[in-house]
Amino acid sequence: MSNMVLLGALLANLPVLPQKAIETALAGHLPERHKKLLPLNYQALREGAKYKASQVA
């Protein structure tokens, strides 16, 4: 899950893709046996998105 937290933080700081696009891609990519993990992955993305880098002067 740490990779999803990091991805959420990255997207919050470099908004190249909307979070919804990542969620849709993840749901389409995961095999059926791993679909039960989607809610945890979505939550990890949201938690990571809370980490905004501070501006460097």
PDB file of N, CA and C in Angstrom:
ATOM      1  N   MET A   1       0.802  -1.199   0.000  1.00  0.00           N
ATOM      2  CA  MET A   1       0.000   0.000   0.000  1.00  0.00           C
ATOM      3  C   MET A   1       0.850   1.272   0.000  1.00  0.00           C
ATOM      4  N   SER A   2       2.085   1.158   0.430  1.00  0.00           N
ATOM      5  CA  SER A   2       2.913   2.366   0.486  1.00  0.00           C
ATOM      6  C   SER A   2       3.112   2.979  -0.892  1.00  0.00           C
ATOM      7  N   ASN A   3       3.131   2.151  -1.931  1.00  0.00           N
ATOM      8  CA  ASN A   3       3.273   2.702  -3.274  1.00  0.00           C
ATOM      9  C   ASN A   3       2.055   3.536  -3.659  1.00  0.00           C
ATOM     10  N   MET A   4       0.882   3.162  -3.177  1.00  0.00           N
ATOM     11  CA  MET A   4      -0.331   3.917  -3.484  1.00  0.00           C
ATOM     12  C   MET A   4      -0.351   5.238  -2.716  1.00  0.00           C
ATOM     13  N   VAL A   5       0.158   5.231  -1.493  1.00  0.00           N
ATOM     14  CA  VAL A   5       0.270   6.470  -0.719  1.00  0.00           C
ATOM     15  C   VAL A   5       1.210   7.431  -1.440  1.00  0.00           C
ATOM     16  N   LEU A   6       2.325   6.895  -1.884  1.00  0.00           N
ATOM     17  CA  LEU A   6       3.295   7.716  -2.608  1.00  0.00           C
ATOM     18  C   LEU A   6       2.700   8.251  -3.910  1.00  0.00           C
ATOM     19  N   LEU A   7       1.965   7.435  -4.628  1.00  0.00           N
ATOM     20  CA  LEU A   7       1.322   7.886  -5.860  1.00  0.00           C
ATOM     21  C   LEU A   7       0.313   8.993  -5.571  1.00  0.00           C
ATOM     22  N   GLY A   8      -0.464   8.861  -4.503  1.00  0.00           N
ATOM     23  CA  GLY A   8      -1.410   9.898  -4.122  1.00  0.00           C
ATOM     24  C   GLY A   8      -0.711  11.211  -3.815  1.00  0.00           C
ATOM     25  N   ALA A   9       0.401  11.144  -3.106  1.00  0.00           N
ATOM     26  CA  ALA A   9       1.167  12.350  -2.785  1.00  0.00           C
ATOM     27  C   ALA A   9       1.758  12.964  -4.051  1.00  0.00           C
ATOM     28  N   LEU A  10       2.260  12.136  -4.926  1.00  0.00           N
ATOM     29  CA  LEU A  10       2.822  12.627  -6.181  1.00  0.00           C
ATOM     30  C   LEU A  10       1.764  13.344  -7.010  1.00  0.00           C
ATOM     31  N   LEU A  11       0.596  12.743  -7.124  1.00  0.00           N
ATOM     32  CA  LEU A  11      -0.476  13.358  -7.908  1.00  0.00           C
ATOM     33  C   LEU A  11      -0.998  14.641  -7.267  1.00  0.00           C
ATOM     34  N   ALA A  12      -0.929  14.720  -5.956  1.00  0.00           N
ATOM     35  CA  ALA A  12      -1.360  15.952  -5.281  1.00  0.00           C
ATOM     36  C   ALA A  12      -0.395  17.096  -5.569  1.00  0.00           C
ATOM     37  N   ASN A  13       0.872  16.760  -5.766  1.00  0.00           N
ATOM     38  CA  ASN A  13       1.898  17.772  -5.991  1.00  0.00           C
ATOM     39  C   ASN A  13       2.181  18.028  -7.467  1.00  0.00           C
ATOM     40  N   LEU A  14       1.953  17.036  -8.292  1.00  0.00           N
ATOM     41  CA  LEU A  14       2.124  17.168  -9.740  1.00  0.00           C
ATOM     42  C   LEU A  14       0.848  16.646 -10.406  1.00  0.00           C
ATOM     43  N   PRO A  15      -0.165  17.460 -10.488  1.00  0.00           N
ATOM     44  CA  PRO A  15      -1.470  16.980 -10.961  1.00  0.00           C
ATOM     45  C   PRO A  15      -1.498  16.692 -12.474  1.00  0.00           C
ATOM     46  N   VAL A  16      -0.815  15.638 -12.886  1.00  0.00           N
ATOM     47  CA  VAL A  16      -0.793  15.263 -14.292  1.00  0.00           C
ATOM     48  C   VAL A  16      -1.991  14.398 -14.679  1.00  0.00           C
ATOM     49  N   LEU A  17      -2.567  13.717 -13.705  1.00  0.00           N
ATOM     50  CA  LEU A  17      -3.759  12.894 -13.908  1.00  0.00           C
ATOM     51  C   LEU A  17      -4.704  13.094 -12.733  1.00  0.00           C
ATOM     52  N   PRO A  18      -5.996  13.078 -12.994  1.00  0.00           N
ATOM     53  CA  PRO A  18      -6.926  13.135 -11.856  1.00  0.00           C
ATOM     54  C   PRO A  18      -6.935  11.792 -11.117  1.00  0.00           C
ATOM     55  N   GLN A  19      -7.209  11.859  -9.850  1.00  0.00           N
ATOM     56  CA  GLN A  19      -7.233  10.651  -9.026  1.00  0.00           C
ATOM     57  C   GLN A  19      -8.238   9.647  -9.566  1.00  0.00           C
ATOM     58  N   LYS A  20      -9.347  10.119 -10.076  1.00  0.00           N
ATOM     59  CA  LYS A  20     -10.381   9.225 -10.610  1.00  0.00           C
ATOM     60  C   LYS A  20      -9.833   8.403 -11.776  1.00  0.00           C
ATOM     61  N   ALA A  21      -8.967   8.982 -12.594  1.00  0.00           N
ATOM     62  CA  ALA A  21      -8.373   8.246 -13.710  1.00  0.00           C
ATOM     63  C   ALA A  21      -7.504   7.098 -13.202  1.00  0.00           C
ATOM     64  N   ILE A  22      -6.777   7.338 -12.123  1.00  0.00           N
ATOM     65  CA  ILE A  22      -5.945   6.286 -11.531  1.00  0.00           C
ATOM     66  C   ILE A  22      -6.828   5.172 -10.976  1.00  0.00           C
ATOM     67  N   GLU A  23      -7.906   5.551 -10.306  1.00  0.00           N
ATOM     68  CA  GLU A  23      -8.814   4.553  -9.744  1.00  0.00           C
ATOM     69  C   GLU A  23      -9.438   3.700 -10.840  1.00  0.00           C
ATOM     70  N   THR A  24      -9.853   4.338 -11.930  1.00  0.00           N
ATOM     71  CA  THR A  24     -10.464   3.613 -13.042  1.00  0.00           C
ATOM     72  C   THR A  24      -9.456   2.662 -13.682  1.00  0.00           C
ATOM     73  N   ALA A  25      -8.233   3.143 -13.888  1.00  0.00           N
ATOM     74  CA  ALA A  25      -7.196   2.305 -14.484  1.00  0.00           C
ATOM     75  C   ALA A  25      -6.863   1.118 -13.579  1.00  0.00           C
ATOM     76  N   LEU A  26      -6.793   1.373 -12.285  1.00  0.00           N
ATOM     77  CA  LEU A  26      -6.479   0.305 -11.340  1.00  0.00           C
ATOM     78  C   LEU A  26      -7.573  -0.765 -11.346  1.00  0.00           C
ATOM     79  N   ALA A  27      -8.821  -0.335 -11.355  1.00  0.00           N
ATOM     80  CA  ALA A  27      -9.942  -1.280 -11.369  1.00  0.00           C
ATOM     81  C   ALA A  27      -9.938  -2.112 -12.653  1.00  0.00           C
ATOM     82  N   GLY A  28      -9.540  -1.518 -13.758  1.00  0.00           N
ATOM     83  CA  GLY A  28      -9.501  -2.243 -15.014  1.00  0.00           C
ATOM     84  C   GLY A  28      -8.290  -3.143 -15.149  1.00  0.00           C
ATOM     85  N   HIS A  29      -7.247  -2.869 -14.407  1.00  0.00           N
ATOM     86  CA  HIS A  29      -5.994  -3.611 -14.531  1.00  0.00           C
ATOM     87  C   HIS A  29      -5.904  -4.804 -13.585  1.00  0.00           C
ATOM     88  N   LEU A  30      -6.464  -4.675 -12.397  1.00  0.00           N
ATOM     89  CA  LEU A  30      -6.315  -5.744 -11.407  1.00  0.00           C
ATOM     90  C   LEU A  30      -7.084  -6.995 -11.819  1.00  0.00           C
ATOM     91  N   PRO A  31      -6.494  -8.159 -11.618  1.00  0.00           N
ATOM     92  CA  PRO A  31      -7.239  -9.394 -11.855  1.00  0.00           C
ATOM     93  C   PRO A  31      -8.370  -9.527 -10.835  1.00  0.00           C
ATOM     94  N   GLU A  32      -9.353 -10.285 -11.184  1.00  0.00           N
ATOM     95  CA  GLU A  32     -10.550 -10.436 -10.347  1.00  0.00           C
ATOM     96  C   GLU A  32     -10.204 -10.845  -8.915  1.00  0.00           C
ATOM     97  N   ARG A  33      -9.200 -11.686  -8.758  1.00  0.00           N
ATOM     98  CA  ARG A  33      -8.871 -12.183  -7.407  1.00  0.00           C
ATOM     99  C   ARG A  33      -8.320 -11.087  -6.489  1.00  0.00           C
ATOM    100  N   HIS A  34      -7.899  -9.963  -7.066  1.00  0.00           N
ATOM    101  CA  HIS A  34      -7.354  -8.862  -6.265  1.00  0.00           C
ATOM    102  C   HIS A  34      -8.320  -7.683  -6.133  1.00  0.00           C
ATOM    103  N   LYS A  35      -9.491  -7.792  -6.728  1.00  0.00           N
ATOM    104  CA  LYS A  35     -10.455  -6.678  -6.687  1.00  0.00           C
ATOM    105  C   LYS A  35     -10.874  -6.336  -5.262  1.00  0.00           C
ATOM    106  N   LYS A  36     -10.783  -7.284  -4.356  1.00  0.00           N
ATOM    107  CA  LYS A  36     -11.159  -7.013  -2.960  1.00  0.00           C
ATOM    108  C   LYS A  36     -10.242  -5.976  -2.318  1.00  0.00           C
ATOM    109  N   LEU A  37      -9.074  -5.760  -2.912  1.00  0.00           N
ATOM    110  CA  LEU A  37      -8.114  -4.797  -2.373  1.00  0.00           C
ATOM    111  C   LEU A  37      -8.338  -3.376  -2.891  1.00  0.00           C
ATOM    112  N   LEU A  38      -9.253  -3.199  -3.833  1.00  0.00           N
ATOM    113  CA  LEU A  38      -9.479  -1.870  -4.399  1.00  0.00           C
ATOM    114  C   LEU A  38      -9.828  -0.812  -3.358  1.00  0.00           C
ATOM    115  N   PRO A  39     -10.751  -1.070  -2.432  1.00  0.00           N
ATOM    116  CA  PRO A  39     -11.064  -0.027  -1.444  1.00  0.00           C
ATOM    117  C   PRO A  39      -9.847   0.422  -0.634  1.00  0.00           C
ATOM    118  N   LEU A  40      -8.980  -0.497  -0.278  1.00  0.00           N
ATOM    119  CA  LEU A  40      -7.773  -0.125   0.474  1.00  0.00           C
ATOM    120  C   LEU A  40      -6.829   0.709  -0.397  1.00  0.00           C
ATOM    121  N   ASN A  41      -6.725   0.357  -1.663  1.00  0.00           N
ATOM    122  CA  ASN A  41      -5.883   1.128  -2.569  1.00  0.00           C
ATOM    123  C   ASN A  41      -6.438   2.537  -2.751  1.00  0.00           C
ATOM    124  N   TYR A  42      -7.744   2.660  -2.892  1.00  0.00           N
ATOM    125  CA  TYR A  42      -8.360   3.981  -3.044  1.00  0.00           C
ATOM    126  C   TYR A  42      -8.130   4.821  -1.794  1.00  0.00           C
ATOM    127  N   GLN A  43      -8.267   4.199  -0.630  1.00  0.00           N
ATOM    128  CA  GLN A  43      -8.043   4.913   0.625  1.00  0.00           C
ATOM    129  C   GLN A  43      -6.586   5.364   0.728  1.00  0.00           C
ATOM    130  N   ALA A  44      -5.655   4.512   0.321  1.00  0.00           N
ATOM    131  CA  ALA A  44      -4.235   4.868   0.365  1.00  0.00           C
ATOM    132  C   ALA A  44      -3.944   6.044  -0.564  1.00  0.00           C
ATOM    133  N   LEU A  45      -4.571   6.068  -1.739  1.00  0.00           N
ATOM    134  CA  LEU A  45      -4.421   7.204  -2.652  1.00  0.00           C
ATOM    135  C   LEU A  45      -4.891   8.494  -1.996  1.00  0.00           C
ATOM    136  N   ARG A  46      -6.053   8.432  -1.359  1.00  0.00           N
ATOM    137  CA  ARG A  46      -6.612   9.627  -0.704  1.00  0.00           C
ATOM    138  C   ARG A  46      -5.738  10.103   0.451  1.00  0.00           C
ATOM    139  N   GLU A  47      -5.218   9.154   1.218  1.00  0.00           N
ATOM    140  CA  GLU A  47      -4.340   9.528   2.333  1.00  0.00           C
ATOM    141  C   GLU A  47      -3.062  10.177   1.809  1.00  0.00           C
ATOM    142  N   GLY A  48      -2.503   9.620   0.770  1.00  0.00           N
ATOM    143  CA  GLY A  48      -1.296  10.191   0.189  1.00  0.00           C
ATOM    144  C   GLY A  48      -1.531  11.577  -0.375  1.00  0.00           C
ATOM    145  N   ALA A  49      -2.727  11.803  -0.908  1.00  0.00           N
ATOM    146  CA  ALA A  49      -3.053  13.108  -1.493  1.00  0.00           C
ATOM    147  C   ALA A  49      -3.079  14.218  -0.438  1.00  0.00           C
ATOM    148  N   LYS A  50      -3.139  13.861   0.817  1.00  0.00           N
ATOM    149  CA  LYS A  50      -3.128  14.860   1.887  1.00  0.00           C
ATOM    150  C   LYS A  50      -1.748  15.481   2.092  1.00  0.00           C
ATOM    151  N   TYR A  51      -0.717  14.842   1.552  1.00  0.00           N
ATOM    152  CA  TYR A  51       0.657  15.316   1.737  1.00  0.00           C
ATOM    153  C   TYR A  51       1.056  16.230   0.587  1.00  0.00           C
ATOM    154  N   LYS A  52       0.894  17.504   0.821  1.00  0.00           N
ATOM    155  CA  LYS A  52       1.301  18.501  -0.158  1.00  0.00           C
ATOM    156  C   LYS A  52       2.665  19.039   0.247  1.00  0.00           C
ATOM    157  N   ALA A  53       3.555  19.094  -0.730  1.00  0.00           N
ATOM    158  CA  ALA A  53       4.893  19.629  -0.462  1.00  0.00           C
ATOM    159  C   ALA A  53       4.807  21.117  -0.189  1.00  0.00           C
ATOM    160  N   SER A  54       5.632  21.590   0.717  1.00  0.00           N
ATOM    161  CA  SER A  54       5.664  23.028   0.973  1.00  0.00           C
ATOM    162  C   SER A  54       6.473  23.719  -0.124  1.00  0.00           C
ATOM    163  N   GLN A  55       6.134  24.958  -0.402  1.00  0.00           N
ATOM    164  CA  GLN A  55       6.828  25.713  -1.427  1.00  0.00           C
ATOM    165  C   GLN A  55       8.262  26.005  -0.984  1.00  0.00           C
ATOM    166  N   VAL A  56       9.184  25.846  -1.892  1.00  0.00           N
ATOM    167  CA  VAL A  56      10.585  26.177  -1.628  1.00  0.00           C
ATOM    168  C   VAL A  56      10.850  27.532  -2.248  1.00  0.00           C
ATOM    169  N   ALA A  57      11.356  28.440  -1.450  1.00  0.00           N
ATOM    170  CA  ALA A  57      11.570  29.802  -1.941  1.00  0.00           C
ATOM    171  C   ALA A  57      12.835  29.929  -2.727  1.00  0.00           C
TER     172      ALA A  57
END
